[in-house]
Amino acid sequence: MWREFEIGVEGGGPYGIVAGPGGALWCTLVHAGRLARIAPDGDVTLFPLDNPEAGPSIVVTGPDGALWFTRFRDGRVGRITPDGEQSSIAVPSPFGLAVAPDGALWTSELNADRVWRVTPDGETTPFELGTEGAIPSMLAAAPDGTVWCTLNQGNAIARVTPEPAVFALPTPGAAPVGITVAGDGAAWFVEIGAGQLGRITADGEIAEFPLPDRAARTHAIVADPAGGCWYTEWAGNRLGHMDAGGTGIRTWDLPTPDSEPHGLAVAPDGAVWVALERGSVARFSPPFSPPR
């Protein structure tokens, strides 16, 4: 069910992870200033950045087949091709990252109440959220072009496009972080401060779903093909799954204690990959196949 792969960089801090071209998985090493490519056979290749203090965080597969990632500490959005060619675009304190249907990338400016639209050719456009101290965190883009952003300290979800709006969460101190979009266009998100998952529809209707362990410190989330989602429990050291209706919850302990699970990715073969900040990535073969 579980298979774990050591990245080979002591203290490197695997953080974000995504399925990339050719069946490989790509992972950011937030403390080491590198990216790692994990081939289908488990072979790991490391790619150092031009600044070891760059703080690479979130990584996505871009519209051009390259991998794009945020460099939070040195204020850049990076790009790396599958063979390792690198470049970057200046954006202040970028953290979250998402690819919109039109091919543009969206990133959150963690140190300001602002998000940015970034085109692959380097054009950057800021969008003010009209909040104060909200800490925009993760982003997700829906098939219709809607871009969602969690406001961690604003206790809200922002809809950046097509019509900017901020939707307050019902639970005080929920502190949303990860967010993902399901096939129907609604967004799932985690509430790290409340031990809940949330779901917001295109018109801003919010539902919250308490988890069995309210102290689990949910962190990352990714949609499954059936409309449900996978999520990490940072404090609980678990991987969880919730069905599309929000009623069926299952959890699995990670193979290594205190592994600090962060980013998540679902590979084309249905396997779930988890970035473990303690120094490895883990591959999980689900004991069930969600209906498609």
C-alpha atoms as a PDB file:
ATOM      1  CA  MET A   1       0.000   0.000   0.000  1.00  0.00           C
ATOM      2  CA  TRP A   2       2.859   2.399   0.896  1.00  0.00           C
ATOM      3  CA  ARG A   3       6.265   2.825  -0.710  1.00  0.00           C
ATOM      4  CA  GLU A   4       8.690   5.472   0.516  1.00  0.00           C
ATOM      5  CA  PHE A   5      11.507   7.130  -1.445  1.00  0.00           C
ATOM      6  CA  GLU A   6      14.362   8.950   0.279  1.00  0.00           C
ATOM      7  CA  ILE A   7      15.304  12.143  -1.557  1.00  0.00           C
ATOM      8  CA  GLY A   8      18.930  12.031  -0.437  1.00  0.00           C
ATOM      9  CA  VAL A   9      19.341  15.587   0.891  1.00  0.00           C
ATOM     10  CA  GLU A  10      19.577  15.765   4.663  1.00  0.00           C
ATOM     11  CA  GLY A  11      17.253  18.485   5.923  1.00  0.00           C
ATOM     12  CA  GLY A  12      16.121  19.275   2.374  1.00  0.00           C
ATOM     13  CA  GLY A  13      12.454  19.514   3.302  1.00  0.00           C
ATOM     14  CA  PRO A  14      10.241  17.999   0.572  1.00  0.00           C
ATOM     15  CA  TYR A  15       7.233  20.328   0.461  1.00  0.00           C
ATOM     16  CA  GLY A  16       5.288  20.667  -2.806  1.00  0.00           C
ATOM     17  CA  ILE A  17       4.797  17.797  -5.250  1.00  0.00           C
ATOM     18  CA  VAL A  18       3.148  17.390  -8.655  1.00  0.00           C
ATOM     19  CA  ALA A  19       2.825  14.814 -11.423  1.00  0.00           C
ATOM     20  CA  GLY A  20       4.936  15.966 -14.369  1.00  0.00           C
ATOM     21  CA  PRO A  21       5.677  14.883 -17.937  1.00  0.00           C
ATOM     22  CA  GLY A  22       6.649  11.297 -18.681  1.00  0.00           C
ATOM     23  CA  GLY A  23       5.165   9.854 -15.520  1.00  0.00           C
ATOM     24  CA  ALA A  24       7.726  11.532 -13.245  1.00  0.00           C
ATOM     25  CA  LEU A  25       6.882  13.287  -9.971  1.00  0.00           C
ATOM     26  CA  TRP A  26       8.508  16.628  -9.152  1.00  0.00           C
ATOM     27  CA  CYS A  27       9.076  17.831  -5.593  1.00  0.00           C
ATOM     28  CA  THR A  28      10.367  21.086  -4.115  1.00  0.00           C
ATOM     29  CA  LEU A  29      13.018  20.954  -1.372  1.00  0.00           C
ATOM     30  CA  VAL A  30      12.131  24.087   0.536  1.00  0.00           C
ATOM     31  CA  HIS A  31      15.154  24.079   2.872  1.00  0.00           C
ATOM     32  CA  ALA A  32      17.762  23.035   0.311  1.00  0.00           C
ATOM     33  CA  GLY A  33      16.969  25.297  -2.650  1.00  0.00           C
ATOM     34  CA  ARG A  34      16.510  22.380  -5.037  1.00  0.00           C
ATOM     35  CA  LEU A  35      13.920  20.451  -6.981  1.00  0.00           C
ATOM     36  CA  ALA A  36      13.796  16.663  -7.162  1.00  0.00           C
ATOM     37  CA  ARG A  37      12.469  14.529 -10.014  1.00  0.00           C
ATOM     38  CA  ILE A  38      11.298  11.054  -9.034  1.00  0.00           C
ATOM     39  CA  ALA A  39      11.169   8.771 -12.070  1.00  0.00           C
ATOM     40  CA  PRO A  40       8.545   5.998 -12.361  1.00  0.00           C
ATOM     41  CA  ASP A  41      11.205   3.468 -11.289  1.00  0.00           C
ATOM     42  CA  GLY A  42      11.993   5.504  -8.155  1.00  0.00           C
ATOM     43  CA  ASP A  43      15.263   7.009  -9.390  1.00  0.00           C
ATOM     44  CA  VAL A  44      15.764  10.523  -7.935  1.00  0.00           C
ATOM     45  CA  THR A  45      17.481  13.366  -9.811  1.00  0.00           C
ATOM     46  CA  LEU A  46      18.266  16.628  -8.009  1.00  0.00           C
ATOM     47  CA  PHE A  47      18.299  20.074  -9.628  1.00  0.00           C
ATOM     48  CA  PRO A  48      19.988  22.835  -7.579  1.00  0.00           C
ATOM     49  CA  LEU A  49      18.664  26.384  -8.031  1.00  0.00           C
ATOM     50  CA  ASP A  50      20.865  29.401  -8.654  1.00  0.00           C
ATOM     51  CA  ASN A  51      20.114  30.521  -5.080  1.00  0.00           C
ATOM     52  CA  PRO A  52      20.209  27.842  -2.354  1.00  0.00           C
ATOM     53  CA  GLU A  53      18.167  30.177  -0.112  1.00  0.00           C
ATOM     54  CA  ALA A  54      15.343  30.590  -2.656  1.00  0.00           C
ATOM     55  CA  GLY A  55      12.812  28.591  -0.621  1.00  0.00           C
ATOM     56  CA  PRO A  56      11.057  26.681  -3.438  1.00  0.00           C
ATOM     57  CA  SER A  57       7.564  25.878  -2.201  1.00  0.00           C
ATOM     58  CA  ILE A  58       4.663  25.061  -4.529  1.00  0.00           C
ATOM     59  CA  VAL A  59       5.202  23.386  -7.905  1.00  0.00           C
ATOM     60  CA  VAL A  60       2.758  22.893 -10.804  1.00  0.00           C
ATOM     61  CA  THR A  61       2.943  21.537 -14.322  1.00  0.00           C
ATOM     62  CA  GLY A  62       2.673  24.526 -16.635  1.00  0.00           C
ATOM     63  CA  PRO A  63       0.849  24.979 -19.930  1.00  0.00           C
ATOM     64  CA  ASP A  64       4.168  24.703 -21.773  1.00  0.00           C
ATOM     65  CA  GLY A  65       5.098  21.272 -20.370  1.00  0.00           C
ATOM     66  CA  ALA A  66       7.664  22.774 -17.992  1.00  0.00           C
ATOM     67  CA  LEU A  67       7.448  22.771 -14.198  1.00  0.00           C
ATOM     68  CA  TRP A  68       6.727  26.120 -12.548  1.00  0.00           C
ATOM     69  CA  PHE A  69       7.347  26.778  -8.863  1.00  0.00           C
ATOM     70  CA  THR A  70       7.346  29.584  -6.316  1.00  0.00           C
ATOM     71  CA  ARG A  71      10.594  30.844  -4.779  1.00  0.00           C
ATOM     72  CA  PHE A  72       9.182  32.480  -1.680  1.00  0.00           C
ATOM     73  CA  ARG A  73      12.399  33.688  -0.064  1.00  0.00           C
ATOM     74  CA  ASP A  74      13.978  35.414  -3.061  1.00  0.00           C
ATOM     75  CA  GLY A  75      10.802  36.704  -4.745  1.00  0.00           C
ATOM     76  CA  ARG A  76      10.645  34.792  -7.996  1.00  0.00           C
ATOM     77  CA  VAL A  77       8.463  32.313  -9.847  1.00  0.00           C
ATOM     78  CA  GLY A  78      10.783  29.684 -11.271  1.00  0.00           C
ATOM     79  CA  ARG A  79      10.547  27.509 -14.359  1.00  0.00           C
ATOM     80  CA  ILE A  80      12.399  24.275 -15.085  1.00  0.00           C
ATOM     81  CA  THR A  81      12.098  22.077 -18.161  1.00  0.00           C
ATOM     82  CA  PRO A  82      12.037  18.276 -17.807  1.00  0.00           C
ATOM     83  CA  ASP A  83      15.727  18.205 -18.790  1.00  0.00           C
ATOM     84  CA  GLY A  84      16.699  20.813 -16.197  1.00  0.00           C
ATOM     85  CA  GLU A  85      16.903  24.154 -18.039  1.00  0.00           C
ATOM     86  CA  GLN A  86      15.925  26.946 -15.633  1.00  0.00           C
ATOM     87  CA  SER A  87      14.664  30.532 -15.684  1.00  0.00           C
ATOM     88  CA  SER A  88      12.581  32.754 -13.386  1.00  0.00           C
ATOM     89  CA  ILE A  89      10.290  35.798 -13.202  1.00  0.00           C
ATOM     90  CA  ALA A  90      10.356  38.382 -10.390  1.00  0.00           C
ATOM     91  CA  VAL A  91       7.214  38.438  -8.173  1.00  0.00           C
ATOM     92  CA  PRO A  92       7.192  39.615  -4.515  1.00  0.00           C
ATOM     93  CA  SER A  93       7.066  36.806  -1.871  1.00  0.00           C
ATOM     94  CA  PRO A  94       5.159  34.288  -4.027  1.00  0.00           C
ATOM     95  CA  PHE A  95       3.786  31.194  -2.300  1.00  0.00           C
ATOM     96  CA  GLY A  96       0.693  29.502  -3.763  1.00  0.00           C
ATOM     97  CA  LEU A  97       0.573  28.718  -7.472  1.00  0.00           C
ATOM     98  CA  ALA A  98      -2.120  27.588  -9.919  1.00  0.00           C
ATOM     99  CA  VAL A  99      -2.524  27.305 -13.682  1.00  0.00           C
ATOM    100  CA  ALA A 100      -5.667  28.837 -15.223  1.00  0.00           C
ATOM    101  CA  PRO A 101      -7.363  27.437 -18.354  1.00  0.00           C
ATOM    102  CA  ASP A 102      -6.019  30.339 -20.460  1.00  0.00           C
ATOM    103  CA  GLY A 103      -2.442  29.249 -19.700  1.00  0.00           C
ATOM    104  CA  ALA A 104      -1.632  32.016 -17.221  1.00  0.00           C
ATOM    105  CA  LEU A 105      -0.233  31.259 -13.777  1.00  0.00           C
ATOM    106  CA  TRP A 106      -1.603  32.793 -10.589  1.00  0.00           C
ATOM    107  CA  THR A 107       0.449  33.215  -7.429  1.00  0.00           C
ATOM    108  CA  SER A 108      -0.260  34.648  -3.999  1.00  0.00           C
ATOM    109  CA  GLU A 109       1.907  37.354  -2.472  1.00  0.00           C
ATOM    110  CA  LEU A 110       2.200  36.002   1.043  1.00  0.00           C
ATOM    111  CA  ASN A 111       3.453  39.239   2.587  1.00  0.00           C
ATOM    112  CA  ALA A 112       0.718  41.447   1.097  1.00  0.00           C
ATOM    113  CA  ASP A 113      -3.004  41.177   0.410  1.00  0.00           C
ATOM    114  CA  ARG A 114      -2.445  40.629  -3.267  1.00  0.00           C
ATOM    115  CA  VAL A 115      -2.316  37.936  -5.939  1.00  0.00           C
ATOM    116  CA  TRP A 116      -0.512  38.079  -9.276  1.00  0.00           C
ATOM    117  CA  ARG A 117      -1.286  36.857 -12.754  1.00  0.00           C
ATOM    118  CA  VAL A 118       1.901  35.712 -14.492  1.00  0.00           C
ATOM    119  CA  THR A 119       2.114  34.767 -18.160  1.00  0.00           C
ATOM    120  CA  PRO A 120       4.747  32.293 -19.374  1.00  0.00           C
ATOM    121  CA  ASP A 121       6.424  35.112 -21.345  1.00  0.00           C
ATOM    122  CA  GLY A 122       6.995  37.107 -18.143  1.00  0.00           C
ATOM    123  CA  GLU A 123       4.117  39.612 -17.983  1.00  0.00           C
ATOM    124  CA  THR A 124       2.974  40.169 -14.385  1.00  0.00           C
ATOM    125  CA  THR A 125      -0.261  41.827 -13.237  1.00  0.00           C
ATOM    126  CA  PRO A 126      -1.184  42.437  -9.555  1.00  0.00           C
ATOM    127  CA  PHE A 127      -4.737  42.050  -8.197  1.00  0.00           C
ATOM    128  CA  GLU A 128      -5.553  43.673  -4.865  1.00  0.00           C
ATOM    129  CA  LEU A 129      -7.837  41.674  -2.577  1.00  0.00           C
ATOM    130  CA  GLY A 130      -9.060  44.632  -0.527  1.00  0.00           C
ATOM    131  CA  THR A 131      -8.212  42.906   2.763  1.00  0.00           C
ATOM    132  CA  GLU A 132      -5.648  43.675   5.464  1.00  0.00           C
ATOM    133  CA  GLY A 133      -3.298  41.101   6.980  1.00  0.00           C
ATOM    134  CA  ALA A 134      -5.253  38.211   5.455  1.00  0.00           C
ATOM    135  CA  ILE A 135      -2.150  36.273   4.242  1.00  0.00           C
ATOM    136  CA  PRO A 136      -3.270  34.893   0.865  1.00  0.00           C
ATOM    137  CA  SER A 137      -1.928  31.346   0.741  1.00  0.00           C
ATOM    138  CA  MET A 138      -2.849  28.619  -1.773  1.00  0.00           C
ATOM    139  CA  LEU A 139      -4.707  28.981  -5.067  1.00  0.00           C
ATOM    140  CA  ALA A 140      -6.752  26.776  -7.375  1.00  0.00           C
ATOM    141  CA  ALA A 141      -8.243  27.451 -10.805  1.00  0.00           C
ATOM    142  CA  ALA A 142     -11.574  26.078 -12.015  1.00  0.00           C
ATOM    143  CA  PRO A 143     -12.325  24.988 -15.609  1.00  0.00           C
ATOM    144  CA  ASP A 144     -14.430  28.135 -16.164  1.00  0.00           C
ATOM    145  CA  GLY A 145     -11.475  30.389 -15.340  1.00  0.00           C
ATOM    146  CA  THR A 146     -12.472  31.140 -11.748  1.00  0.00           C
ATOM    147  CA  VAL A 147      -9.424  31.454  -9.479  1.00  0.00           C
ATOM    148  CA  TRP A 148      -9.849  30.741  -5.759  1.00  0.00           C
ATOM    149  CA  CYS A 149      -7.433  31.715  -2.970  1.00  0.00           C
ATOM    150  CA  THR A 150      -7.365  30.830   0.722  1.00  0.00           C
ATOM    151  CA  LEU A 151      -6.912  33.750   3.123  1.00  0.00           C
ATOM    152  CA  ASN A 152      -5.200  32.068   6.054  1.00  0.00           C
ATOM    153  CA  GLN A 153      -5.437  34.880   8.593  1.00  0.00           C
ATOM    154  CA  GLY A 154      -8.476  36.470   6.997  1.00  0.00           C
ATOM    155  CA  ASN A 155     -10.463  33.295   7.775  1.00  0.00           C
ATOM    156  CA  ALA A 156     -11.999  33.492   4.335  1.00  0.00           C
ATOM    157  CA  ILE A 157     -11.875  32.286   0.736  1.00  0.00           C
ATOM    158  CA  ALA A 158     -11.314  34.845  -2.006  1.00  0.00           C
ATOM    159  CA  ARG A 159     -12.712  34.509  -5.498  1.00  0.00           C
ATOM    160  CA  VAL A 160     -10.239  36.444  -7.596  1.00  0.00           C
ATOM    161  CA  THR A 161     -11.958  35.961 -10.956  1.00  0.00           C
ATOM    162  CA  PRO A 162     -14.256  36.480 -12.746  1.00  0.00           C
ATOM    163  CA  GLU A 163     -15.825  38.775 -10.128  1.00  0.00           C
ATOM    164  CA  PRO A 164     -13.619  39.517  -7.093  1.00  0.00           C
ATOM    165  CA  ALA A 165     -15.272  38.635  -3.789  1.00  0.00           C
ATOM    166  CA  VAL A 166     -14.293  37.487  -0.294  1.00  0.00           C
ATOM    167  CA  PHE A 167     -16.362  34.860   1.532  1.00  0.00           C
ATOM    168  CA  ALA A 168     -15.982  34.606   5.309  1.00  0.00           C
ATOM    169  CA  LEU A 169     -15.839  31.117   6.806  1.00  0.00           C
ATOM    170  CA  PRO A 170     -18.516  30.133   9.330  1.00  0.00           C
ATOM    171  CA  THR A 171     -15.986  28.774  11.864  1.00  0.00           C
ATOM    172  CA  PRO A 172     -13.821  31.396  13.625  1.00  0.00           C
ATOM    173  CA  GLY A 173     -10.086  30.767  13.461  1.00  0.00           C
ATOM    174  CA  ALA A 174     -10.382  28.087  10.789  1.00  0.00           C
ATOM    175  CA  ALA A 175      -7.185  29.335   9.061  1.00  0.00           C
ATOM    176  CA  PRO A 176      -7.655  27.823   5.570  1.00  0.00           C
ATOM    177  CA  VAL A 177      -4.520  26.696   3.702  1.00  0.00           C
ATOM    178  CA  GLY A 178      -4.706  24.153   0.870  1.00  0.00           C
ATOM    179  CA  ILE A 179      -7.375  24.397  -1.830  1.00  0.00           C
ATOM    180  CA  THR A 180      -8.268  22.351  -4.921  1.00  0.00           C
ATOM    181  CA  VAL A 181     -11.031  22.332  -7.534  1.00  0.00           C
ATOM    182  CA  ALA A 182     -13.316  19.353  -8.140  1.00  0.00           C
ATOM    183  CA  GLY A 183     -14.707  18.350 -11.504  1.00  0.00           C
ATOM    184  CA  ASP A 184     -17.948  20.278 -10.938  1.00  0.00           C
ATOM    185  CA  GLY A 185     -16.045  23.540 -10.429  1.00  0.00           C
ATOM    186  CA  ALA A 186     -16.569  23.758  -6.678  1.00  0.00           C
ATOM    187  CA  ALA A 187     -13.455  24.078  -4.512  1.00  0.00           C
ATOM    188  CA  TRP A 188     -12.423  21.899  -1.572  1.00  0.00           C
ATOM    189  CA  PHE A 189     -10.170  23.470   1.069  1.00  0.00           C
ATOM    190  CA  VAL A 190      -8.630  22.563   4.424  1.00  0.00           C
ATOM    191  CA  GLU A 191      -9.084  24.390   7.713  1.00  0.00           C
ATOM    192  CA  ILE A 192      -5.826  23.785   9.566  1.00  0.00           C
ATOM    193  CA  GLY A 193      -7.023  25.659  12.646  1.00  0.00           C
ATOM    194  CA  ALA A 194     -10.362  23.874  12.982  1.00  0.00           C
ATOM    195  CA  GLY A 195      -9.736  20.262  11.944  1.00  0.00           C
ATOM    196  CA  GLN A 196     -12.256  20.519   9.122  1.00  0.00           C
ATOM    197  CA  LEU A 197     -12.565  20.418   5.370  1.00  0.00           C
ATOM    198  CA  GLY A 198     -14.631  22.984   3.526  1.00  0.00           C
ATOM    199  CA  ARG A 199     -16.309  23.216   0.147  1.00  0.00           C
ATOM    200  CA  ILE A 200     -17.307  26.397  -1.691  1.00  0.00           C
ATOM    201  CA  THR A 201     -19.494  26.544  -4.792  1.00  0.00           C
ATOM    202  CA  ALA A 202     -19.131  28.983  -7.672  1.00  0.00           C
ATOM    203  CA  ASP A 203     -21.725  31.304  -6.123  1.00  0.00           C
ATOM    204  CA  GLY A 204     -19.985  31.352  -2.727  1.00  0.00           C
ATOM    205  CA  GLU A 205     -22.057  28.825  -0.784  1.00  0.00           C
ATOM    206  CA  ILE A 206     -19.843  27.222   1.905  1.00  0.00           C
ATOM    207  CA  ALA A 207     -20.194  23.877   3.673  1.00  0.00           C
ATOM    208  CA  GLU A 208     -17.825  22.634   6.408  1.00  0.00           C
ATOM    209  CA  PHE A 209     -17.069  19.016   7.320  1.00  0.00           C
ATOM    210  CA  PRO A 210     -15.536  18.214  10.736  1.00  0.00           C
ATOM    211  CA  LEU A 211     -12.876  15.503  10.735  1.00  0.00           C
ATOM    212  CA  PRO A 212     -12.621  12.680  13.302  1.00  0.00           C
ATOM    213  CA  ASP A 213      -9.395  14.217  14.674  1.00  0.00           C
ATOM    214  CA  ARG A 214     -10.011  17.942  15.109  1.00  0.00           C
ATOM    215  CA  ALA A 215      -6.351  18.440  16.124  1.00  0.00           C
ATOM    216  CA  ALA A 216      -4.997  16.826  12.946  1.00  0.00           C
ATOM    217  CA  ARG A 217      -3.759  20.140  11.421  1.00  0.00           C
ATOM    218  CA  THR A 218      -4.932  19.477   7.867  1.00  0.00           C
ATOM    219  CA  HIS A 219      -2.590  21.070   5.368  1.00  0.00           C
ATOM    220  CA  ALA A 220      -2.725  20.086   1.673  1.00  0.00           C
ATOM    221  CA  ILE A 221      -5.627  18.858  -0.445  1.00  0.00           C
ATOM    222  CA  VAL A 222      -6.110  17.509  -3.966  1.00  0.00           C
ATOM    223  CA  ALA A 223      -9.287  16.489  -5.799  1.00  0.00           C
ATOM    224  CA  ASP A 224      -9.957  12.924  -6.908  1.00  0.00           C
ATOM    225  CA  PRO A 225     -11.684  12.016 -10.202  1.00  0.00           C
ATOM    226  CA  ALA A 226     -14.977  11.207  -8.447  1.00  0.00           C
ATOM    227  CA  GLY A 227     -15.469  14.652  -6.883  1.00  0.00           C
ATOM    228  CA  GLY A 228     -14.018  13.791  -3.486  1.00  0.00           C
ATOM    229  CA  CYS A 229     -10.592  14.736  -2.193  1.00  0.00           C
ATOM    230  CA  TRP A 230      -7.382  13.555  -0.554  1.00  0.00           C
ATOM    231  CA  TYR A 231      -5.812  15.578   2.259  1.00  0.00           C
ATOM    232  CA  THR A 232      -2.807  15.495   4.585  1.00  0.00           C
ATOM    233  CA  GLU A 233      -2.970  15.627   8.373  1.00  0.00           C
ATOM    234  CA  TRP A 234       0.270  17.305   9.425  1.00  0.00           C
ATOM    235  CA  ALA A 235      -0.103  16.723  13.173  1.00  0.00           C
ATOM    236  CA  GLY A 236      -1.900  13.397  12.782  1.00  0.00           C
ATOM    237  CA  ASN A 237       0.795  11.985  10.430  1.00  0.00           C
ATOM    238  CA  ARG A 238      -1.933  10.627   8.184  1.00  0.00           C
ATOM    239  CA  LEU A 239      -3.375  10.711   4.693  1.00  0.00           C
ATOM    240  CA  GLY A 240      -7.142  11.144   4.511  1.00  0.00           C
ATOM    241  CA  HIS A 241      -9.873  10.796   1.903  1.00  0.00           C
ATOM    242  CA  MET A 242     -13.365  12.314   1.839  1.00  0.00           C
ATOM    243  CA  ASP A 243     -16.015  11.306  -0.670  1.00  0.00           C
ATOM    244  CA  ALA A 244     -17.876  13.745  -2.883  1.00  0.00           C
ATOM    245  CA  GLY A 245     -20.825  13.963  -0.498  1.00  0.00           C
ATOM    246  CA  GLY A 246     -18.676  14.853   2.497  1.00  0.00           C
ATOM    247  CA  THR A 247     -19.907  11.888   4.532  1.00  0.00           C
ATOM    248  CA  GLY A 248     -17.393   9.096   3.890  1.00  0.00           C
ATOM    249  CA  ILE A 249     -14.009   9.682   5.560  1.00  0.00           C
ATOM    250  CA  ARG A 250     -11.085   7.243   5.637  1.00  0.00           C
ATOM    251  CA  THR A 251      -7.565   7.787   6.962  1.00  0.00           C
ATOM    252  CA  TRP A 252      -4.265   5.897   6.758  1.00  0.00           C
ATOM    253  CA  ASP A 253      -1.184   6.308   8.923  1.00  0.00           C
ATOM    254  CA  LEU A 254       1.942   7.349   7.049  1.00  0.00           C
ATOM    255  CA  PRO A 255       4.744   4.756   6.963  1.00  0.00           C
ATOM    256  CA  THR A 256       7.178   6.813   9.084  1.00  0.00           C
ATOM    257  CA  PRO A 257       6.334   8.498  12.412  1.00  0.00           C
ATOM    258  CA  ASP A 258       6.530  12.297  12.625  1.00  0.00           C
ATOM    259  CA  SER A 259       7.116  12.607   8.881  1.00  0.00           C
ATOM    260  CA  GLU A 260       5.474  16.062   8.524  1.00  0.00           C
ATOM    261  CA  PRO A 261       3.250  15.498   5.466  1.00  0.00           C
ATOM    262  CA  HIS A 262       2.740  18.533   3.254  1.00  0.00           C
ATOM    263  CA  GLY A 263       2.091  18.503  -0.510  1.00  0.00           C
ATOM    264  CA  LEU A 264      -0.074  15.987  -2.380  1.00  0.00           C
ATOM    265  CA  ALA A 265      -0.376  14.807  -5.963  1.00  0.00           C
ATOM    266  CA  VAL A 266      -2.486  12.192  -7.719  1.00  0.00           C
ATOM    267  CA  ALA A 267      -0.547  10.434 -10.487  1.00  0.00           C
ATOM    268  CA  PRO A 268      -2.172   9.272 -13.750  1.00  0.00           C
ATOM    269  CA  ASP A 269      -2.212   5.681 -12.441  1.00  0.00           C
ATOM    270  CA  GLY A 270      -4.322   6.749  -9.454  1.00  0.00           C
ATOM    271  CA  ALA A 271      -1.522   6.535  -6.897  1.00  0.00           C
ATOM    272  CA  VAL A 272      -1.344   9.329  -4.310  1.00  0.00           C
ATOM    273  CA  TRP A 273       2.056  10.886  -3.615  1.00  0.00           C
ATOM    274  CA  VAL A 274       2.845  12.754  -0.387  1.00  0.00           C
ATOM    275  CA  ALA A 275       5.804  15.078   0.218  1.00  0.00           C
ATOM    276  CA  LEU A 276       7.193  14.423   3.702  1.00  0.00           C
ATOM    277  CA  GLU A 277       9.219  17.326   5.043  1.00  0.00           C
ATOM    278  CA  ARG A 278      11.390  15.049   7.171  1.00  0.00           C
ATOM    279  CA  GLY A 279      13.181  13.989   3.960  1.00  0.00           C
ATOM    280  CA  SER A 280      11.253  11.655   1.675  1.00  0.00           C
ATOM    281  CA  VAL A 281       8.206  11.216  -0.536  1.00  0.00           C
ATOM    282  CA  ALA A 282       5.697   8.406  -0.126  1.00  0.00           C
ATOM    283  CA  ARG A 283       3.571   6.663  -2.753  1.00  0.00           C
ATOM    284  CA  PHE A 284       0.181   5.324  -1.651  1.00  0.00           C
ATOM    285  CA  SER A 285      -1.813   2.771  -3.643  1.00  0.00           C
ATOM    286  CA  PRO A 286      -5.456   3.288  -2.649  1.00  0.00           C
ATOM    287  CA  PRO A 287      -7.281   0.126  -1.548  1.00  0.00           C
ATOM    288  CA  PHE A 288     -10.251   1.223  -3.626  1.00  0.00           C
ATOM    289  CA  SER A 289     -10.938   2.829  -6.978  1.00  0.00           C
ATOM    290  CA  PRO A 290     -13.238   5.886  -6.717  1.00  0.00           C
ATOM    291  CA  PRO A 291     -16.028   5.669  -9.311  1.00  0.00           C
ATOM    292  CA  ARG A 292     -15.448   7.776 -12.389  1.00  0.00           C
END
